[in-house]
C-alpha atoms as a PDB file:
ATOM      1  CA  MET A   1      -5.782 -11.859  13.635  1.00  0.00           C
ATOM      2  CA  ASN A   2      -6.990  -8.182  13.834  1.00  0.00           C
ATOM      3  CA  ALA A   3      -3.631  -7.429  12.204  1.00  0.00           C
ATOM      4  CA  HIS A   4      -3.122  -9.915   9.664  1.00  0.00           C
ATOM      5  CA  ASN A   5      -6.957  -8.283   8.648  1.00  0.00           C
ATOM      6  CA  ASP A   6      -5.073  -4.501   9.004  1.00  0.00           C
ATOM      7  CA  ASP A   7      -2.221  -5.230   6.496  1.00  0.00           C
ATOM      8  CA  CYS A   8      -4.478  -7.301   4.272  1.00  0.00           C
ATOM      9  CA  ALA A   9      -7.027  -4.097   4.130  1.00  0.00           C
ATOM     10  CA  ILE A  10      -4.209  -1.636   3.672  1.00  0.00           C
ATOM     11  CA  SER A  11      -3.124  -3.749   1.309  1.00  0.00           C
ATOM     12  CA  GLN A  12      -5.872  -3.935  -0.522  1.00  0.00           C
ATOM     13  CA  VAL A  13      -6.994   0.496  -0.640  1.00  0.00           C
ATOM     14  CA  ALA A  14      -2.749   0.374  -1.648  1.00  0.00           C
ATOM     15  CA  GLY A  15      -3.447  -1.945  -4.526  1.00  0.00           C
ATOM     16  CA  ALA A  16      -6.551   0.326  -5.415  1.00  0.00           C
ATOM     17  CA  ILE A  17      -4.544   3.435  -5.424  1.00  0.00           C
ATOM     18  CA  ALA A  18      -1.655   2.348  -7.266  1.00  0.00           C
ATOM     19  CA  GLU A  19      -3.177   1.402 -10.715  1.00  0.00           C
ATOM     20  CA  PRO A  20      -2.202   4.270 -12.836  1.00  0.00           C
ATOM     21  CA  ALA A  21      -5.473   5.023 -14.220  1.00  0.00           C
ATOM     22  CA  ARG A  22      -7.439   4.995 -10.947  1.00  0.00           C
ATOM     23  CA  THR A  23      -4.599   6.730  -9.814  1.00  0.00           C
ATOM     24  CA  LYS A  24      -5.514  10.196 -11.995  1.00  0.00           C
ATOM     25  CA  MET A  25      -9.050   9.354 -11.336  1.00  0.00           C
ATOM     26  CA  LEU A  26      -8.681   9.868  -7.642  1.00  0.00           C
ATOM     27  CA  CYS A  27      -6.249  13.320  -8.124  1.00  0.00           C
ATOM     28  CA  ALA A  28      -9.110  14.364 -10.510  1.00  0.00           C
ATOM     29  CA  LEU A  29     -11.241  14.373  -8.060  1.00  0.00           C
ATOM     30  CA  MET A  30      -9.433  16.329  -5.316  1.00  0.00           C
ATOM     31  CA  ASP A  31     -11.332  19.195  -6.654  1.00  0.00           C
ATOM     32  CA  GLY A  32     -14.166  18.230  -4.761  1.00  0.00           C
ATOM     33  CA  HIS A  33     -16.325  18.041  -7.821  1.00  0.00           C
ATOM     34  CA  ALA A  34     -18.162  14.784  -9.166  1.00  0.00           C
ATOM     35  CA  ARG A  35     -17.678  13.777 -12.619  1.00  0.00           C
ATOM     36  CA  THR A  36     -19.592  10.763 -14.363  1.00  0.00           C
ATOM     37  CA  SER A  37     -17.787   7.685 -15.183  1.00  0.00           C
ATOM     38  CA  THR A  38     -17.901   8.898 -18.914  1.00  0.00           C
ATOM     39  CA  GLU A  39     -15.500  12.048 -17.751  1.00  0.00           C
ATOM     40  CA  MET A  40     -13.580   9.729 -15.760  1.00  0.00           C
ATOM     41  CA  ALA A  41     -12.590   7.832 -18.833  1.00  0.00           C
ATOM     42  CA  VAL A  42     -11.504  10.793 -21.049  1.00  0.00           C
ATOM     43  CA  ILE A  43      -9.435  11.783 -17.489  1.00  0.00           C
ATOM     44  CA  ALA A  44      -7.814   8.358 -17.015  1.00  0.00           C
ATOM     45  CA  GLU A  45      -7.623   7.930 -20.916  1.00  0.00           C
ATOM     46  CA  VAL A  46      -9.137   4.477 -20.448  1.00  0.00           C
ATOM     47  CA  SER A  47     -12.004   2.830 -22.562  1.00  0.00           C
ATOM     48  CA  ALA A  48     -15.707   3.390 -20.903  1.00  0.00           C
ATOM     49  CA  SER A  49     -16.038  -0.352 -20.025  1.00  0.00           C
ATOM     50  CA  THR A  50     -12.851  -0.164 -18.077  1.00  0.00           C
ATOM     51  CA  ALA A  51     -13.637   3.357 -16.329  1.00  0.00           C
ATOM     52  CA  SER A  52     -16.544   1.693 -14.510  1.00  0.00           C
ATOM     53  CA  ALA A  53     -14.421  -1.253 -13.489  1.00  0.00           C
ATOM     54  CA  HIS A  54     -12.235   0.998 -11.788  1.00  0.00           C
ATOM     55  CA  LEU A  55     -14.560   3.013 -10.351  1.00  0.00           C
ATOM     56  CA  ALA A  56     -16.198  -0.232  -9.033  1.00  0.00           C
ATOM     57  CA  ARG A  57     -12.882  -1.402  -7.391  1.00  0.00           C
ATOM     58  CA  LEU A  58     -12.140   2.361  -5.673  1.00  0.00           C
ATOM     59  CA  LYS A  59     -16.338   2.399  -4.340  1.00  0.00           C
ATOM     60  CA  GLU A  60     -15.996  -1.222  -2.898  1.00  0.00           C
ATOM     61  CA  ASP A  61     -12.557  -0.278  -1.483  1.00  0.00           C
ATOM     62  CA  GLY A  62     -14.322   2.960  -0.435  1.00  0.00           C
ATOM     63  CA  LEU A  63     -12.064   4.961  -1.910  1.00  0.00           C
ATOM     64  CA  VAL A  64     -14.972   7.038  -3.790  1.00  0.00           C
ATOM     65  CA  LYS A  65     -18.651   7.378  -3.646  1.00  0.00           C
ATOM     66  CA  LEU A  66     -21.571   7.203  -6.098  1.00  0.00           C
ATOM     67  CA  HIS A  67     -23.996   9.558  -6.378  1.00  0.00           C
ATOM     68  CA  THR A  68     -27.216   8.815  -8.282  1.00  0.00           C
ATOM     69  CA  GLN A  69     -29.716  12.113 -10.080  1.00  0.00           C
ATOM     70  CA  GLY A  70     -32.297  10.415 -11.959  1.00  0.00           C
ATOM     71  CA  ARG A  71     -31.077   8.426 -15.439  1.00  0.00           C
ATOM     72  CA  HIS A  72     -27.048   9.993 -14.327  1.00  0.00           C
ATOM     73  CA  ARG A  73     -24.499   8.812 -12.067  1.00  0.00           C
ATOM     74  CA  TYR A  74     -21.469  11.209 -10.555  1.00  0.00           C
ATOM     75  CA  TYR A  75     -18.600  10.002  -8.611  1.00  0.00           C
ATOM     76  CA  SER A  76     -16.759  11.488  -6.085  1.00  0.00           C
ATOM     77  CA  LEU A  77     -14.324  11.262  -3.357  1.00  0.00           C
ATOM     78  CA  ALA A  78     -15.662   9.150  -0.349  1.00  0.00           C
ATOM     79  CA  GLY A  79     -14.964  12.284   1.841  1.00  0.00           C
ATOM     80  CA  PRO A  80     -11.793  14.587   2.964  1.00  0.00           C
ATOM     81  CA  HIS A  81      -9.412  11.401   4.934  1.00  0.00           C
ATOM     82  CA  VAL A  82      -9.228  10.144   1.314  1.00  0.00           C
ATOM     83  CA  ALA A  83      -7.696  13.718  -0.162  1.00  0.00           C
ATOM     84  CA  GLN A  84      -5.848  13.752   3.097  1.00  0.00           C
ATOM     85  CA  VAL A  85      -3.910  10.454   2.382  1.00  0.00           C
ATOM     86  CA  ILE A  86      -3.590  11.564  -1.605  1.00  0.00           C
ATOM     87  CA  GLU A  87      -1.776  14.589  -0.426  1.00  0.00           C
ATOM     88  CA  ALA A  88       0.459  13.155   1.913  1.00  0.00           C
ATOM     89  CA  LEU A  89       1.433  10.329  -0.979  1.00  0.00           C
ATOM     90  CA  MET A  90       1.726  13.318  -3.457  1.00  0.00           C
ATOM     91  CA  VAL A  91       4.424  14.208  -0.781  1.00  0.00           C
ATOM     92  CA  ILE A  92       6.263  10.753   0.075  1.00  0.00           C
ATOM     93  CA  SER A  93       6.154  10.135  -4.195  1.00  0.00           C
ATOM     94  CA  ARG A  94       8.374  12.873  -4.348  1.00  0.00           C
ATOM     95  CA  ASN A  95      12.309  12.582  -3.920  1.00  0.00           C
ATOM     96  CA  THR A  96      12.679  13.867  -0.483  1.00  0.00           C
ATOM     97  CA  ALA A  97      16.605  13.103  -0.366  1.00  0.00           C
ATOM     98  CA  THR A  98      17.442  16.161  -2.471  1.00  0.00           C
ATOM     99  CA  ALA A  99      16.606  19.636  -2.149  1.00  0.00           C
ATOM    100  CA  PHE A 100      13.169  20.361  -2.488  1.00  0.00           C
ATOM    101  CA  VAL A 101      11.703  22.545  -5.694  1.00  0.00           C
ATOM    102  CA  ALA A 102       8.917  23.028  -6.373  1.00  0.00           C
ATOM    103  CA  THR A 103       8.208  22.098  -9.925  1.00  0.00           C
ATOM    104  CA  THR A 104       3.681  22.360  -9.305  1.00  0.00           C
ATOM    105  CA  PRO A 105       2.313  24.773 -12.128  1.00  0.00           C
ATOM    106  CA  ASN A 106       2.357  28.403 -10.618  1.00  0.00           C
ATOM    107  CA  ARG A 107      -1.312  28.751 -10.050  1.00  0.00           C
ATOM    108  CA  LEU A 108      -1.448  25.647  -8.578  1.00  0.00           C
ATOM    109  CA  GLN A 109       1.207  25.993  -6.497  1.00  0.00           C
ATOM    110  CA  PHE A 110      -0.550  29.284  -5.419  1.00  0.00           C
ATOM    111  CA  ALA A 111      -3.901  28.233  -4.320  1.00  0.00           C
ATOM    112  CA  ARG A 112      -5.729  25.149  -4.766  1.00  0.00           C
ATOM    113  CA  THR A 113      -8.368  22.982  -3.632  1.00  0.00           C
ATOM    114  CA  CYS A 114      -7.468  19.809  -1.669  1.00  0.00           C
ATOM    115  CA  TYR A 115     -11.093  17.962  -1.758  1.00  0.00           C
ATOM    116  CA  ASP A 116     -13.376  20.367   0.906  1.00  0.00           C
ATOM    117  CA  HIS A 117     -10.206  23.013   2.100  1.00  0.00           C
ATOM    118  CA  MET A 118      -7.450  25.356   0.619  1.00  0.00           C
ATOM    119  CA  ALA A 119      -3.977  23.854   0.120  1.00  0.00           C
ATOM    120  CA  GLY A 120      -1.089  25.693  -1.712  1.00  0.00           C
ATOM    121  CA  THR A 121       0.908  29.139  -1.057  1.00  0.00           C
ATOM    122  CA  LEU A 122      -1.724  30.881   0.524  1.00  0.00           C
ATOM    123  CA  ALA A 123      -3.486  28.004   2.397  1.00  0.00           C
ATOM    124  CA  VAL A 124       0.291  27.330   4.203  1.00  0.00           C
ATOM    125  CA  ARG A 125       0.389  31.748   5.261  1.00  0.00           C
ATOM    126  CA  LEU A 126      -2.951  32.013   6.264  1.00  0.00           C
ATOM    127  CA  HIS A 127      -2.296  28.278   8.354  1.00  0.00           C
ATOM    128  CA  ASP A 128       0.833  30.018   9.906  1.00  0.00           C
ATOM    129  CA  HIS A 129      -1.186  33.282  10.553  1.00  0.00           C
ATOM    130  CA  PHE A 130      -3.546  31.476  12.431  1.00  0.00           C
ATOM    131  CA  ILE A 131      -1.388  29.845  14.447  1.00  0.00           C
ATOM    132  CA  GLU A 132       1.472  33.090  15.320  1.00  0.00           C
ATOM    133  CA  SER A 133      -1.771  35.189  16.523  1.00  0.00           C
ATOM    134  CA  GLY A 134      -2.475  32.944  18.783  1.00  0.00           C
ATOM    135  CA  TRP A 135      -6.012  32.041  16.749  1.00  0.00           C
ATOM    136  CA  LEU A 136      -5.342  28.383  16.778  1.00  0.00           C
ATOM    137  CA  ILE A 137      -3.364  26.125  19.673  1.00  0.00           C
ATOM    138  CA  GLY A 138      -2.094  22.390  19.443  1.00  0.00           C
ATOM    139  CA  ASP A 139       0.602  20.317  17.421  1.00  0.00           C
ATOM    140  CA  GLY A 140      -0.945  18.716  14.062  1.00  0.00           C
ATOM    141  CA  THR A 141      -4.704  18.823  15.976  1.00  0.00           C
ATOM    142  CA  TYR A 142      -5.630  22.310  17.020  1.00  0.00           C
ATOM    143  CA  GLN A 143      -8.119  24.240  18.961  1.00  0.00           C
ATOM    144  CA  LEU A 144      -9.701  27.060  18.646  1.00  0.00           C
ATOM    145  CA  THR A 145      -8.917  30.160  21.326  1.00  0.00           C
ATOM    146  CA  VAL A 146     -11.442  32.783  21.918  1.00  0.00           C
ATOM    147  CA  ASP A 147      -9.474  35.546  19.683  1.00  0.00           C
ATOM    148  CA  GLY A 148      -9.544  32.576  16.960  1.00  0.00           C
ATOM    149  CA  GLU A 149     -13.209  32.021  17.391  1.00  0.00           C
ATOM    150  CA  LYS A 150     -14.243  35.738  17.328  1.00  0.00           C
ATOM    151  CA  ALA A 151     -11.956  35.990  13.924  1.00  0.00           C
ATOM    152  CA  MET A 152     -13.343  33.100  12.399  1.00  0.00           C
ATOM    153  CA  SER A 153     -17.109  34.539  13.405  1.00  0.00           C
ATOM    154  CA  GLU A 154     -16.216  37.522  11.588  1.00  0.00           C
ATOM    155  CA  LEU A 155     -14.933  35.680   8.186  1.00  0.00           C
ATOM    156  CA  GLY A 156     -18.250  34.249   8.202  1.00  0.00           C
ATOM    157  CA  VAL A 157     -17.718  31.030   9.765  1.00  0.00           C
ATOM    158  CA  ASP A 158     -20.192  29.207  11.710  1.00  0.00           C
ATOM    159  CA  VAL A 159     -18.081  27.591  14.422  1.00  0.00           C
ATOM    160  CA  ALA A 160     -20.544  26.143  16.470  1.00  0.00           C
ATOM    161  CA  ALA A 161     -22.154  24.574  13.124  1.00  0.00           C
ATOM    162  CA  LEU A 162     -19.121  23.109  12.528  1.00  0.00           C
ATOM    163  CA  ARG A 163     -18.640  21.751  16.313  1.00  0.00           C
ATOM    164  CA  ALA A 164     -21.106  19.586  15.696  1.00  0.00           C
ATOM    165  CA  GLN A 165     -20.226  17.863  12.458  1.00  0.00           C
ATOM    166  CA  ARG A 166     -18.924  13.927  13.098  1.00  0.00           C
ATOM    167  CA  ARG A 167     -15.223  14.906  11.625  1.00  0.00           C
ATOM    168  CA  ARG A 168     -12.133  16.126  12.813  1.00  0.00           C
ATOM    169  CA  PHE A 169     -12.646  19.943  13.867  1.00  0.00           C
ATOM    170  CA  ALA A 170      -9.191  21.539  13.063  1.00  0.00           C
ATOM    171  CA  CYS A 171      -5.791  19.788  11.832  1.00  0.00           C
ATOM    172  CA  SER A 172      -2.799  20.318  10.173  1.00  0.00           C
ATOM    173  CA  CYS A 173      -2.682  18.564   6.439  1.00  0.00           C
ATOM    174  CA  LEU A 174       0.785  18.343   4.721  1.00  0.00           C
ATOM    175  CA  ASP A 175       1.087  20.526   1.679  1.00  0.00           C
ATOM    176  CA  TRP A 176       2.650  18.436  -1.429  1.00  0.00           C
ATOM    177  CA  SER A 177       3.805  21.657  -3.344  1.00  0.00           C
ATOM    178  CA  MET A 178       5.296  23.562  -0.146  1.00  0.00           C
ATOM    179  CA  ARG A 179       6.253  20.601   2.177  1.00  0.00           C
ATOM    180  CA  ARG A 180       4.453  22.250   5.038  1.00  0.00           C
ATOM    181  CA  PRO A 181       1.090  22.144   6.708  1.00  0.00           C
ATOM    182  CA  HIS A 182      -2.008  23.977   5.879  1.00  0.00           C
ATOM    183  CA  LEU A 183      -5.682  23.532   7.289  1.00  0.00           C
ATOM    184  CA  ALA A 184      -7.801  20.771   7.180  1.00  0.00           C
ATOM    185  CA  GLY A 185     -10.774  19.548   8.949  1.00  0.00           C
ATOM    186  CA  ALA A 186     -14.156  20.682   9.790  1.00  0.00           C
ATOM    187  CA  LEU A 187     -12.721  24.229  10.061  1.00  0.00           C
ATOM    188  CA  ALA A 188     -11.574  24.415   6.491  1.00  0.00           C
ATOM    189  CA  ALA A 189     -15.275  25.720   5.679  1.00  0.00           C
ATOM    190  CA  LEU A 190     -12.904  28.667   5.775  1.00  0.00           C
ATOM    191  CA  LEU A 191     -12.732  27.905   2.256  1.00  0.00           C
ATOM    192  CA  GLU A 192     -16.384  28.179   1.274  1.00  0.00           C
ATOM    193  CA  SER A 193     -16.768  31.469   3.373  1.00  0.00           C
ATOM    194  CA  VAL A 194     -14.030  33.520   0.863  1.00  0.00           C
ATOM    195  CA  ILE A 195     -15.295  31.469  -2.222  1.00  0.00           C
ATOM    196  CA  ARG A 196     -18.825  33.132  -0.847  1.00  0.00           C
ATOM    197  CA  ARG A 197     -17.181  36.496  -0.093  1.00  0.00           C
ATOM    198  CA  LYS A 198     -15.657  36.704  -3.632  1.00  0.00           C
ATOM    199  CA  TRP A 199     -11.960  36.721  -2.283  1.00  0.00           C
ATOM    200  CA  VAL A 200     -11.214  33.706  -4.968  1.00  0.00           C
ATOM    201  CA  THR A 201     -12.895  32.302  -7.213  1.00  0.00           C
ATOM    202  CA  GLN A 202     -13.130  28.361  -7.683  1.00  0.00           C
ATOM    203  CA  ASP A 203     -12.355  26.925 -11.073  1.00  0.00           C
ATOM    204  CA  LEU A 204     -14.371  24.498 -12.921  1.00  0.00           C
ATOM    205  CA  ASP A 205     -12.197  22.244 -14.287  1.00  0.00           C
ATOM    206  CA  SER A 206      -9.257  22.036 -12.647  1.00  0.00           C
ATOM    207  CA  ARG A 207      -8.143  22.511  -8.587  1.00  0.00           C
ATOM    208  CA  ALA A 208      -7.071  25.985  -9.216  1.00  0.00           C
ATOM    209  CA  LEU A 209      -7.842  28.842  -7.011  1.00  0.00           C
ATOM    210  CA  GLY A 210      -7.809  32.361  -8.535  1.00  0.00           C
ATOM    211  CA  LEU A 211      -7.278  35.247  -6.002  1.00  0.00           C
ATOM    212  CA  THR A 212      -9.602  38.514  -6.999  1.00  0.00           C
ATOM    213  CA  PRO A 213      -8.384  42.311  -6.498  1.00  0.00           C
ATOM    214  CA  LYS A 214     -11.096  42.061  -3.482  1.00  0.00           C
ATOM    215  CA  GLY A 215      -9.396  39.218  -2.278  1.00  0.00           C
ATOM    216  CA  ARG A 216      -5.811  40.823  -2.584  1.00  0.00           C
ATOM    217  CA  LYS A 217      -6.855  44.025  -0.529  1.00  0.00           C
ATOM    218  CA  GLU A 218      -8.707  42.027   2.114  1.00  0.00           C
ATOM    219  CA  LEU A 219      -5.714  39.319   3.128  1.00  0.00           C
ATOM    220  CA  ALA A 220      -3.671  42.324   3.388  1.00  0.00           C
ATOM    221  CA  CYS A 221      -5.642  44.023   5.331  1.00  0.00           C
ATOM    222  CA  ARG A 222      -6.444  41.002   7.696  1.00  0.00           C
ATOM    223  CA  PHE A 223      -3.704  39.179   7.995  1.00  0.00           C
ATOM    224  CA  GLY A 224      -0.937  41.497   6.765  1.00  0.00           C
ATOM    225  CA  LEU A 225      -0.248  39.149   3.221  1.00  0.00           C
ATOM    226  CA  THR A 226       1.675  41.058   1.120  1.00  0.00           C
ATOM    227  CA  ALA A 227       3.465  39.833  -2.419  1.00  0.00           C
ATOM    228  CA  GLN A 228       5.886  38.441  -0.932  1.00  0.00           C
ATOM    229  CA  ASP A 229       3.693  35.892   0.482  1.00  0.00           C
ATOM    230  CA  GLY A 230       2.846  35.006  -3.437  1.00  0.00           C
ATOM    231  CA  LEU A 231      -0.139  37.706  -3.541  1.00  0.00           C
ATOM    232  CA  ALA A 232       1.753  39.732  -6.356  1.00  0.00           C
ATOM    233  CA  ARG A 233      -0.877  40.197  -9.254  1.00  0.00           C
ATOM    234  CA  ARG A 234      -1.085  37.153 -11.416  1.00  0.00           C
END
């Protein structure tokens, strides 16, 4: 009976994601920003009433959540777990039978948000550096080593506070433009740190992240990332 219920639940959620207008809405919310139903209608290219119906379905199925501030109502993804599912579906949706050639626009391919964490070439390179430096250990689900905890603290990440959160601490998330993992989980609060330090800037109307001259210098000095890692001036 439980297996049957799971099957039905999966089918219902899959159906919610599968509708093209709702897919556009979910993808738009991948940047972590909350948006109104009017904005969602424009993004999905549907009427206001249709957008409201779609958002109600997404909310009912636990894919988005509603935020009310006075007379204003905003929608956002229900959490990072939804973003990871959407990111994984983006990977599956590509034809993996042929040799992979990235077609993502250059800025998005280099660095973008994946809800509350960083994705793209830069995020994959950082993930690789953390593993190679022995800061993270594990296979898909990571533990932070003593050296790693020190490094994260130096980057302004409050590791103790992150450990207290009721979510996975550190795990891999398959990057849909690179087809290799970047870092997700609570430890991906690293994104907030690099934005706060003005190493990267975040677009208000897209998922793209821009690397600043200061960020280029810091990433080269701290992590040894160079133009070969995509850090050429953009």
